[in-house]
């Protein structure tokens, strides 16, 4: 039941961010806006007190298994990249 609710939340986040305008140009886009939105949601969902400490924990492997298992993500995005992509987006 809990995993079904989480999956519904993840699907909602992916759908919402898939509709966000992507200002980047060219073929060098690695992460979709949906990936960026899901990265942000995962930090909030895991209730991390600090974006940086969460990233460090993921990089050290402390939380990587839960992160990959729960959210199906394979790459850890940096806070600078997420900010650069989301700051221009209208609330």
PDB file of N, CA and C in Angstrom:
ATOM      1  N   UNK A   1       0.824  -1.198   0.000  1.00  0.00           N
ATOM      2  CA  UNK A   1       0.000   0.000   0.000  1.00  0.00           C
ATOM      3  C   UNK A   1       0.869   1.262   0.000  1.00  0.00           C
ATOM      4  N   UNK A   2       1.871   1.303   0.889  1.00  0.00           N
ATOM      5  CA  UNK A   2       2.732   2.486   0.980  1.00  0.00           C
ATOM      6  C   UNK A   2       3.503   2.687  -0.319  1.00  0.00           C
ATOM      7  N   UNK A   3       4.010   1.600  -0.892  1.00  0.00           N
ATOM      8  CA  UNK A   3       4.759   1.728  -2.144  1.00  0.00           C
ATOM      9  C   UNK A   3       3.856   2.167  -3.295  1.00  0.00           C
ATOM     10  N   UNK A   4       2.590   1.787  -3.258  1.00  0.00           N
ATOM     11  CA  UNK A   4       1.651   2.233  -4.290  1.00  0.00           C
ATOM     12  C   UNK A   4       1.411   3.731  -4.184  1.00  0.00           C
ATOM     13  N   UNK A   5       1.312   4.227  -2.957  1.00  0.00           N
ATOM     14  CA  UNK A   5       1.128   5.669  -2.746  1.00  0.00           C
ATOM     15  C   UNK A   5       2.373   6.418  -3.208  1.00  0.00           C
ATOM     16  N   UNK A   6       3.556   5.896  -2.837  1.00  0.00           N
ATOM     17  CA  UNK A   6       4.801   6.524  -3.279  1.00  0.00           C
ATOM     18  C   UNK A   6       4.887   6.534  -4.800  1.00  0.00           C
ATOM     19  N   UNK A   7       4.543   5.437  -5.434  1.00  0.00           N
ATOM     20  CA  UNK A   7       4.600   5.386  -6.897  1.00  0.00           C
ATOM     21  C   UNK A   7       3.649   6.396  -7.516  1.00  0.00           C
ATOM     22  N   UNK A   8       2.479   6.571  -6.916  1.00  0.00           N
ATOM     23  CA  UNK A   8       1.528   7.576  -7.418  1.00  0.00           C
ATOM     24  C   UNK A   8       2.115   8.978  -7.279  1.00  0.00           C
ATOM     25  N   UNK A   9       2.792   9.252  -6.165  1.00  0.00           N
ATOM     26  CA  UNK A   9       3.448  10.557  -5.979  1.00  0.00           C
ATOM     27  C   UNK A   9       4.552  10.758  -7.015  1.00  0.00           C
ATOM     28  N   UNK A  10       5.367   9.736  -7.208  1.00  0.00           N
ATOM     29  CA  UNK A  10       6.459   9.822  -8.187  1.00  0.00           C
ATOM     30  C   UNK A  10       5.897  10.058  -9.581  1.00  0.00           C
ATOM     31  N   UNK A  11       4.859   9.315  -9.941  1.00  0.00           N
ATOM     32  CA  UNK A  11       4.242   9.505 -11.258  1.00  0.00           C
ATOM     33  C   UNK A  11       3.712  10.926 -11.421  1.00  0.00           C
ATOM     34  N   UNK A  12       3.122  11.467 -10.353  1.00  0.00           N
ATOM     35  CA  UNK A  12       2.621  12.837 -10.396  1.00  0.00           C
ATOM     36  C   UNK A  12       3.737  13.853 -10.576  1.00  0.00           C
ATOM     37  N   UNK A  13       4.848  13.650  -9.864  1.00  0.00           N
ATOM     38  CA  UNK A  13       6.001  14.552  -9.998  1.00  0.00           C
ATOM     39  C   UNK A  13       6.550  14.479 -11.418  1.00  0.00           C
ATOM     40  N   UNK A  14       6.722  13.274 -11.942  1.00  0.00           N
ATOM     41  CA  UNK A  14       7.259  13.116 -13.292  1.00  0.00           C
ATOM     42  C   UNK A  14       6.345  13.759 -14.333  1.00  0.00           C
ATOM     43  N   UNK A  15       5.054  13.593 -14.168  1.00  0.00           N
ATOM     44  CA  UNK A  15       4.093  14.191 -15.105  1.00  0.00           C
ATOM     45  C   UNK A  15       4.139  15.717 -15.032  1.00  0.00           C
ATOM     46  N   UNK A  16       4.161  16.243 -13.812  1.00  0.00           N
ATOM     47  CA  UNK A  16       4.183  17.700 -13.641  1.00  0.00           C
ATOM     48  C   UNK A  16       5.450  18.309 -14.236  1.00  0.00           C
ATOM     49  N   UNK A  17       6.594  17.719 -13.950  1.00  0.00           N
ATOM     50  CA  UNK A  17       7.851  18.290 -14.436  1.00  0.00           C
ATOM     51  C   UNK A  17       8.088  18.020 -15.912  1.00  0.00           C
ATOM     52  N   UNK A  18       7.467  17.008 -16.462  1.00  0.00           N
ATOM     53  CA  UNK A  18       7.594  16.760 -17.905  1.00  0.00           C
ATOM     54  C   UNK A  18       6.985  17.907 -18.693  1.00  0.00           C
ATOM     55  N   UNK A  19       6.031  18.618 -18.089  1.00  0.00           N
ATOM     56  CA  UNK A  19       5.396  19.750 -18.748  1.00  0.00           C
ATOM     57  C   UNK A  19       6.099  21.079 -18.533  1.00  0.00           C
ATOM     58  N   UNK A  20       7.172  21.084 -17.729  1.00  0.00           N
ATOM     59  CA  UNK A  20       7.916  22.317 -17.457  1.00  0.00           C
ATOM     60  C   UNK A  20       8.790  22.643 -18.658  1.00  0.00           C
ATOM     61  N   UNK A  21       8.763  23.887 -19.056  1.00  0.00           N
ATOM     62  CA  UNK A  21       9.550  24.336 -20.201  1.00  0.00           C
ATOM     63  C   UNK A  21      11.047  24.215 -19.911  1.00  0.00           C
ATOM     64  N   UNK A  22      11.749  23.604 -20.827  1.00  0.00           N
ATOM     65  CA  UNK A  22      13.191  23.420 -20.710  1.00  0.00           C
ATOM     66  C   UNK A  22      13.872  24.458 -21.593  1.00  0.00           C
ATOM     67  N   UNK A  23      14.613  25.372 -20.972  1.00  0.00           N
ATOM     68  CA  UNK A  23      15.234  26.491 -21.701  1.00  0.00           C
ATOM     69  C   UNK A  23      16.537  26.106 -22.402  1.00  0.00           C
ATOM     70  N   UNK A  24      17.017  24.888 -22.136  1.00  0.00           N
ATOM     71  CA  UNK A  24      18.294  24.481 -22.726  1.00  0.00           C
ATOM     72  C   UNK A  24      18.148  24.234 -24.218  1.00  0.00           C
ATOM     73  N   UNK A  25      19.222  24.473 -24.915  1.00  0.00           N
ATOM     74  CA  UNK A  25      19.250  24.279 -26.366  1.00  0.00           C
ATOM     75  C   UNK A  25      20.380  23.311 -26.711  1.00  0.00           C
ATOM     76  N   UNK A  26      20.216  22.620 -27.810  1.00  0.00           N
ATOM     77  CA  UNK A  26      21.270  21.732 -28.269  1.00  0.00           C
ATOM     78  C   UNK A  26      21.033  20.291 -27.863  1.00  0.00           C
ATOM     79  N   UNK A  27      21.925  19.438 -28.292  1.00  0.00           N
ATOM     80  CA  UNK A  27      21.770  18.003 -28.061  1.00  0.00           C
ATOM     81  C   UNK A  27      22.482  17.481 -26.837  1.00  0.00           C
ATOM     82  N   UNK A  28      23.130  18.354 -26.066  1.00  0.00           N
ATOM     83  CA  UNK A  28      23.907  17.891 -24.930  1.00  0.00           C
ATOM     84  C   UNK A  28      23.124  17.774 -23.637  1.00  0.00           C
ATOM     85  N   UNK A  29      21.803  17.654 -23.706  1.00  0.00           N
ATOM     86  CA  UNK A  29      20.978  17.567 -22.508  1.00  0.00           C
ATOM     87  C   UNK A  29      21.048  16.148 -21.957  1.00  0.00           C
ATOM     88  N   UNK A  30      21.523  16.030 -20.725  1.00  0.00           N
ATOM     89  CA  UNK A  30      21.668  14.718 -20.102  1.00  0.00           C
ATOM     90  C   UNK A  30      20.464  14.362 -19.259  1.00  0.00           C
ATOM     91  N   UNK A  31      19.942  15.337 -18.508  1.00  0.00           N
ATOM     92  CA  UNK A  31      18.835  15.093 -17.583  1.00  0.00           C
ATOM     93  C   UNK A  31      17.601  15.831 -18.051  1.00  0.00           C
ATOM     94  N   UNK A  32      16.476  15.137 -18.023  1.00  0.00           N
ATOM     95  CA  UNK A  32      15.218  15.785 -18.383  1.00  0.00           C
ATOM     96  C   UNK A  32      14.739  16.627 -17.209  1.00  0.00           C
ATOM     97  N   UNK A  33      13.787  17.496 -17.477  1.00  0.00           N
ATOM     98  CA  UNK A  33      13.202  18.300 -16.402  1.00  0.00           C
ATOM     99  C   UNK A  33      12.502  17.374 -15.403  1.00  0.00           C
ATOM    100  N   UNK A  34      11.961  16.261 -15.873  1.00  0.00           N
ATOM    101  CA  UNK A  34      11.328  15.285 -14.976  1.00  0.00           C
ATOM    102  C   UNK A  34      12.363  14.684 -14.028  1.00  0.00           C
ATOM    103  N   UNK A  35      13.568  14.386 -14.523  1.00  0.00           N
ATOM    104  CA  UNK A  35      14.650  13.866 -13.671  1.00  0.00           C
ATOM    105  C   UNK A  35      15.019  14.883 -12.594  1.00  0.00           C
ATOM    106  N   UNK A  36      15.087  16.133 -12.988  1.00  0.00           N
ATOM    107  CA  UNK A  36      15.448  17.202 -12.057  1.00  0.00           C
ATOM    108  C   UNK A  36      14.363  17.360 -10.990  1.00  0.00           C
ATOM    109  N   UNK A  37      13.113  17.335 -11.404  1.00  0.00           N
ATOM    110  CA  UNK A  37      12.008  17.427 -10.452  1.00  0.00           C
ATOM    111  C   UNK A  37      11.980  16.247  -9.492  1.00  0.00           C
ATOM    112  N   UNK A  38      12.254  15.046 -10.003  1.00  0.00           N
ATOM    113  CA  UNK A  38      12.261  13.863  -9.146  1.00  0.00           C
ATOM    114  C   UNK A  38      13.416  13.913  -8.155  1.00  0.00           C
ATOM    115  N   UNK A  39      14.551  14.447  -8.564  1.00  0.00           N
ATOM    116  CA  UNK A  39      15.683  14.603  -7.642  1.00  0.00           C
ATOM    117  C   UNK A  39      15.302  15.501  -6.478  1.00  0.00           C
ATOM    118  N   UNK A  40      14.631  16.597  -6.784  1.00  0.00           N
ATOM    119  CA  UNK A  40      14.193  17.524  -5.744  1.00  0.00           C
ATOM    120  C   UNK A  40      13.170  16.861  -4.826  1.00  0.00           C
ATOM    121  N   UNK A  41      12.203  16.172  -5.413  1.00  0.00           N
ATOM    122  CA  UNK A  41      11.183  15.485  -4.623  1.00  0.00           C
ATOM    123  C   UNK A  41      11.811  14.433  -3.712  1.00  0.00           C
ATOM    124  N   UNK A  42      12.795  13.704  -4.218  1.00  0.00           N
ATOM    125  CA  UNK A  42      13.412  12.639  -3.417  1.00  0.00           C
ATOM    126  C   UNK A  42      14.065  13.199  -2.158  1.00  0.00           C
ATOM    127  N   UNK A  43      14.683  14.371  -2.267  1.00  0.00           N
ATOM    128  CA  UNK A  43      15.297  14.988  -1.092  1.00  0.00           C
ATOM    129  C   UNK A  43      14.245  15.381  -0.067  1.00  0.00           C
ATOM    130  N   UNK A  44      13.145  15.932  -0.540  1.00  0.00           N
ATOM    131  CA  UNK A  44      12.066  16.306   0.373  1.00  0.00           C
ATOM    132  C   UNK A  44      11.428  15.064   0.997  1.00  0.00           C
ATOM    133  N   UNK A  45      11.230  14.044   0.197  1.00  0.00           N
ATOM    134  CA  UNK A  45      10.614  12.822   0.683  1.00  0.00           C
ATOM    135  C   UNK A  45      11.478  12.143   1.750  1.00  0.00           C
ATOM    136  N   UNK A  46      12.789  12.145   1.533  1.00  0.00           N
ATOM    137  CA  UNK A  46      13.700  11.510   2.489  1.00  0.00           C
ATOM    138  C   UNK A  46      13.927  12.400   3.713  1.00  0.00           C
ATOM    139  N   UNK A  47      13.335  13.591   3.707  1.00  0.00           N
ATOM    140  CA  UNK A  47      13.400  14.539   4.814  1.00  0.00           C
ATOM    141  C   UNK A  47      14.836  14.867   5.203  1.00  0.00           C
ATOM    142  N   UNK A  48      15.624  15.142   4.197  1.00  0.00           N
ATOM    143  CA  UNK A  48      17.008  15.519   4.435  1.00  0.00           C
ATOM    144  C   UNK A  48      17.064  16.950   4.960  1.00  0.00           C
ATOM    145  N   UNK A  49      17.794  17.152   6.037  1.00  0.00           N
ATOM    146  CA  UNK A  49      17.927  18.489   6.622  1.00  0.00           C
ATOM    147  C   UNK A  49      18.792  19.390   5.750  1.00  0.00           C
ATOM    148  N   UNK A  50      19.647  18.787   4.969  1.00  0.00           N
ATOM    149  CA  UNK A  50      20.562  19.560   4.146  1.00  0.00           C
ATOM    150  C   UNK A  50      20.731  18.885   2.796  1.00  0.00           C
ATOM    151  N   UNK A  51      20.590  19.657   1.742  1.00  0.00           N
ATOM    152  CA  UNK A  51      20.787  19.131   0.398  1.00  0.00           C
ATOM    153  C   UNK A  51      22.199  18.571   0.271  1.00  0.00           C
ATOM    154  N   UNK A  52      23.179  19.332   0.745  1.00  0.00           N
ATOM    155  CA  UNK A  52      24.568  18.916   0.620  1.00  0.00           C
ATOM    156  C   UNK A  52      24.854  17.638   1.407  1.00  0.00           C
ATOM    157  N   UNK A  53      24.343  17.536   2.633  1.00  0.00           N
ATOM    158  CA  UNK A  53      24.600  16.328   3.417  1.00  0.00           C
ATOM    159  C   UNK A  53      23.917  15.120   2.786  1.00  0.00           C
ATOM    160  N   UNK A  54      22.753  15.332   2.196  1.00  0.00           N
ATOM    161  CA  UNK A  54      22.071  14.233   1.509  1.00  0.00           C
ATOM    162  C   UNK A  54      22.894  13.772   0.313  1.00  0.00           C
ATOM    163  N   UNK A  55      23.403  14.734  -0.457  1.00  0.00           N
ATOM    164  CA  UNK A  55      24.240  14.382  -1.604  1.00  0.00           C
ATOM    165  C   UNK A  55      25.479  13.620  -1.165  1.00  0.00           C
ATOM    166  N   UNK A  56      26.122  14.084  -0.117  1.00  0.00           N
ATOM    167  CA  UNK A  56      27.326  13.403   0.371  1.00  0.00           C
ATOM    168  C   UNK A  56      27.002  11.986   0.823  1.00  0.00           C
ATOM    169  N   UNK A  57      25.879  11.817   1.513  1.00  0.00           N
ATOM    170  CA  UNK A  57      25.461  10.487   1.933  1.00  0.00           C
ATOM    171  C   UNK A  57      25.206   9.569   0.757  1.00  0.00           C
ATOM    172  N   UNK A  58      24.590  10.118  -0.294  1.00  0.00           N
ATOM    173  CA  UNK A  58      24.336   9.329  -1.494  1.00  0.00           C
ATOM    174  C   UNK A  58      25.641   8.953  -2.175  1.00  0.00           C
ATOM    175  N   UNK A  59      26.554   9.901  -2.276  1.00  0.00           N
ATOM    176  CA  UNK A  59      27.829   9.636  -2.924  1.00  0.00           C
ATOM    177  C   UNK A  59      28.653   8.605  -2.164  1.00  0.00           C
ATOM    178  N   UNK A  60      28.531   8.612  -0.840  1.00  0.00           N
ATOM    179  CA  UNK A  60      29.272   7.651  -0.018  1.00  0.00           C
ATOM    180  C   UNK A  60      28.575   6.297   0.027  1.00  0.00           C
ATOM    181  N   UNK A  61      27.381   6.221  -0.531  1.00  0.00           N
ATOM    182  CA  UNK A  61      26.687   4.951  -0.586  1.00  0.00           C
ATOM    183  C   UNK A  61      25.785   4.673   0.598  1.00  0.00           C
ATOM    184  N   UNK A  62      25.695   5.601   1.542  1.00  0.00           N
ATOM    185  CA  UNK A  62      24.885   5.368   2.743  1.00  0.00           C
ATOM    186  C   UNK A  62      23.406   5.264   2.422  1.00  0.00           C
ATOM    187  N   UNK A  63      22.954   6.050   1.486  1.00  0.00           N
ATOM    188  CA  UNK A  63      21.521   6.089   1.185  1.00  0.00           C
ATOM    189  C   UNK A  63      21.239   5.704  -0.260  1.00  0.00           C
ATOM    190  N   UNK A  64      22.251   5.335  -0.984  1.00  0.00           N
ATOM    191  CA  UNK A  64      22.095   5.096  -2.410  1.00  0.00           C
ATOM    192  C   UNK A  64      21.092   3.997  -2.703  1.00  0.00           C
ATOM    193  N   UNK A  65      21.121   2.917  -1.937  1.00  0.00           N
ATOM    194  CA  UNK A  65      20.227   1.806  -2.209  1.00  0.00           C
ATOM    195  C   UNK A  65      18.771   2.246  -2.104  1.00  0.00           C
ATOM    196  N   UNK A  66      18.398   2.922  -1.026  1.00  0.00           N
ATOM    197  CA  UNK A  66      17.022   3.397  -0.879  1.00  0.00           C
ATOM    198  C   UNK A  66      16.663   4.362  -1.990  1.00  0.00           C
ATOM    199  N   UNK A  67      17.564   5.238  -2.310  1.00  0.00           N
ATOM    200  CA  UNK A  67      17.321   6.249  -3.325  1.00  0.00           C
ATOM    201  C   UNK A  67      17.060   5.601  -4.680  1.00  0.00           C
ATOM    202  N   UNK A  68      17.916   4.668  -5.048  1.00  0.00           N
ATOM    203  CA  UNK A  68      17.737   3.987  -6.338  1.00  0.00           C
ATOM    204  C   UNK A  68      16.516   3.075  -6.328  1.00  0.00           C
ATOM    205  N   UNK A  69      16.312   2.373  -5.228  1.00  0.00           N
ATOM    206  CA  UNK A  69      15.183   1.454  -5.133  1.00  0.00           C
ATOM    207  C   UNK A  69      13.854   2.193  -5.139  1.00  0.00           C
ATOM    208  N   UNK A  70      13.740   3.226  -4.327  1.00  0.00           N
ATOM    209  CA  UNK A  70      12.470   3.937  -4.208  1.00  0.00           C
ATOM    210  C   UNK A  70      12.155   4.814  -5.411  1.00  0.00           C
ATOM    211  N   UNK A  71      13.175   5.493  -5.937  1.00  0.00           N
ATOM    212  CA  UNK A  71      12.920   6.500  -6.964  1.00  0.00           C
ATOM    213  C   UNK A  71      13.371   6.086  -8.361  1.00  0.00           C
ATOM    214  N   UNK A  72      14.059   4.967  -8.478  1.00  0.00           N
ATOM    215  CA  UNK A  72      14.471   4.479  -9.793  1.00  0.00           C
ATOM    216  C   UNK A  72      15.464   5.380 -10.497  1.00  0.00           C
ATOM    217  N   UNK A  73      16.226   6.142  -9.733  1.00  0.00           N
ATOM    218  CA  UNK A  73      17.174   7.082 -10.318  1.00  0.00           C
ATOM    219  C   UNK A  73      18.570   6.480 -10.293  1.00  0.00           C
ATOM    220  N   UNK A  74      19.357   6.798 -11.296  1.00  0.00           N
ATOM    221  CA  UNK A  74      20.693   6.227 -11.386  1.00  0.00           C
ATOM    222  C   UNK A  74      21.800   7.253 -11.200  1.00  0.00           C
ATOM    223  N   UNK A  75      21.454   8.536 -11.225  1.00  0.00           N
ATOM    224  CA  UNK A  75      22.455   9.585 -11.145  1.00  0.00           C
ATOM    225  C   UNK A  75      22.084  10.586 -10.059  1.00  0.00           C
ATOM    226  N   UNK A  76      23.089  11.056  -9.342  1.00  0.00           N
ATOM    227  CA  UNK A  76      22.894  12.073  -8.326  1.00  0.00           C
ATOM    228  C   UNK A  76      23.163  13.428  -8.969  1.00  0.00           C
ATOM    229  N   UNK A  77      22.151  14.272  -9.016  1.00  0.00           N
ATOM    230  CA  UNK A  77      22.313  15.603  -9.594  1.00  0.00           C
ATOM    231  C   UNK A  77      22.831  16.560  -8.528  1.00  0.00           C
ATOM    232  N   UNK A  78      23.626  17.516  -8.931  1.00  0.00           N
ATOM    233  CA  UNK A  78      24.149  18.485  -7.977  1.00  0.00           C
ATOM    234  C   UNK A  78      23.113  19.564  -7.690  1.00  0.00           C
ATOM    235  N   UNK A  79      23.227  20.150  -6.513  1.00  0.00           N
ATOM    236  CA  UNK A  79      22.291  21.217  -6.158  1.00  0.00           C
ATOM    237  C   UNK A  79      22.431  22.403  -7.097  1.00  0.00           C
ATOM    238  N   UNK A  80      23.648  22.686  -7.552  1.00  0.00           N
ATOM    239  CA  UNK A  80      23.845  23.805  -8.484  1.00  0.00           C
ATOM    240  C   UNK A  80      23.111  23.567  -9.798  1.00  0.00           C
ATOM    241  N   UNK A  81      23.159  22.349 -10.284  1.00  0.00           N
ATOM    242  CA  UNK A  81      22.477  22.031 -11.543  1.00  0.00           C
ATOM    243  C   UNK A  81      20.965  22.134 -11.365  1.00  0.00           C
ATOM    244  N   UNK A  82      20.467  21.597 -10.265  1.00  0.00           N
ATOM    245  CA  UNK A  82      19.032  21.662 -10.004  1.00  0.00           C
ATOM    246  C   UNK A  82      18.580  23.111  -9.878  1.00  0.00           C
ATOM    247  N   UNK A  83      19.326  23.921  -9.135  1.00  0.00           N
ATOM    248  CA  UNK A  83      18.975  25.339  -8.975  1.00  0.00           C
ATOM    249  C   UNK A  83      18.986  26.067 -10.311  1.00  0.00           C
ATOM    250  N   UNK A  84      20.020  25.821 -11.096  1.00  0.00           N
ATOM    251  CA  UNK A  84      20.128  26.495 -12.397  1.00  0.00           C
ATOM    252  C   UNK A  84      18.950  26.160 -13.295  1.00  0.00           C
ATOM    253  N   UNK A  85      18.435  24.944 -13.174  1.00  0.00           N
ATOM    254  CA  UNK A  85      17.326  24.538 -14.030  1.00  0.00           C
ATOM    255  C   UNK A  85      15.969  24.975 -13.476  1.00  0.00           C
ATOM    256  N   UNK A  86      15.814  25.000 -12.159  1.00  0.00           N
ATOM    257  CA  UNK A  86      14.501  25.296 -11.582  1.00  0.00           C
ATOM    258  C   UNK A  86      14.284  26.762 -11.221  1.00  0.00           C
ATOM    259  N   UNK A  87      15.355  27.512 -10.986  1.00  0.00           N
ATOM    260  CA  UNK A  87      15.180  28.913 -10.617  1.00  0.00           C
ATOM    261  C   UNK A  87      14.391  29.718 -11.651  1.00  0.00           C
ATOM    262  N   UNK A  88      14.620  29.524 -12.954  1.00  0.00           N
ATOM    263  CA  UNK A  88      13.876  30.314 -13.929  1.00  0.00           C
ATOM    264  C   UNK A  88      12.424  29.866 -14.121  1.00  0.00           C
ATOM    265  N   UNK A  89      12.038  28.721 -13.551  1.00  0.00           N
ATOM    266  CA  UNK A  89      10.692  28.190 -13.768  1.00  0.00           C
ATOM    267  C   UNK A  89       9.698  28.935 -12.879  1.00  0.00           C
ATOM    268  N   UNK A  90       8.598  29.379 -13.479  1.00  0.00           N
ATOM    269  CA  UNK A  90       7.536  30.043 -12.712  1.00  0.00           C
ATOM    270  C   UNK A  90       6.938  29.075 -11.706  1.00  0.00           C
ATOM    271  N   UNK A  91       6.663  29.576 -10.512  1.00  0.00           N
ATOM    272  CA  UNK A  91       6.039  28.744  -9.477  1.00  0.00           C
ATOM    273  C   UNK A  91       4.654  28.398  -9.918  1.00  0.00           C
TER     274      UNK A  91
END
